[in-house]
Protein backbone atom coordinates (compact mmCIF):
# COMPACT_ATOMS: atom_id res chain seq x y z
CA MET A 1 -1.11 3.71 0.85
CA LEU A 2 -0.39 0.11 0.28
CA GLY A 3 -0.10 -1.31 -3.47
CA GLY A 4 1.40 -4.64 -4.94
CA THR A 5 4.69 -4.30 -7.20
CA ASP A 6 3.07 -6.58 -10.06
CA ASP A 7 -0.61 -4.60 -9.97
CA PRO A 8 -1.74 -3.20 -13.14
CA ILE A 9 -2.44 0.02 -11.45
CA PRO A 10 0.52 2.18 -12.46
CA LEU A 11 2.60 3.47 -9.55
CA GLU A 12 1.75 7.01 -10.45
CA GLN A 13 -1.68 6.44 -9.65
CA LEU A 14 -0.90 5.11 -6.42
CA GLU A 15 1.15 8.47 -5.69
CA ALA A 16 -1.48 10.38 -6.84
CA TRP A 17 -3.35 9.97 -3.56
CA ARG A 18 -1.27 12.13 -1.92
CA GLU A 19 -3.07 15.07 -3.26
CA HIS A 20 -6.31 14.15 -1.71
CA LEU A 21 -4.83 14.02 1.85
CA SER A 22 -4.33 16.72 4.31
CA GLY A 23 -2.10 14.42 6.41
CA PRO A 24 1.12 12.40 5.93
CA PHE A 25 1.34 10.22 2.91
CA GLY A 26 3.43 6.92 2.58
CA LEU A 27 3.55 4.48 0.22
CA ARG A 28 4.35 0.68 0.57
CA MET A 29 4.77 -1.95 -1.86
CA PHE A 30 4.45 -5.74 -1.31
CA PRO A 31 5.33 -8.09 -3.72
CA GLY A 32 2.57 -9.44 -5.81
CA ASP A 33 -0.28 -8.45 -7.87
CA HIS A 34 -3.81 -6.78 -7.18
CA PHE A 35 -4.34 -9.61 -4.69
CA TYR A 36 -0.89 -9.16 -2.92
CA LEU A 37 -3.12 -9.09 0.59
CA ARG A 38 -3.76 -12.49 0.48
CA PRO A 39 -0.19 -14.20 0.38
CA ARG A 40 1.05 -11.00 2.58
CA ARG A 41 -1.49 -10.84 5.02
CA THR A 42 0.79 -11.02 8.38
CA ALA A 43 3.11 -8.54 6.80
CA VAL A 44 0.05 -5.95 5.98
CA LEU A 45 -1.36 -6.50 9.39
CA GLY A 46 1.71 -5.90 11.05
CA LEU A 47 2.48 -2.65 9.17
CA VAL A 48 -1.09 -1.53 9.91
CA ARG A 49 -0.81 -2.25 13.64
CA ALA A 50 2.68 -0.27 13.77
CA VAL A 51 1.04 2.57 12.31
CA ALA A 52 -2.06 2.65 14.32
CA GLU A 53 -0.10 2.81 17.43
């Protein structure tokens, strides 16, 4: 699970996804709001690639 540190969605709601998964759960927060993906694109894609390998 990925999220932005300044996103209005509470951290507890992101962590609640753990209940809906049967596999391992990890939460990684990036600086920024709900649209943290735009300025952090390289870091997010690097993390996705690393996890996918």
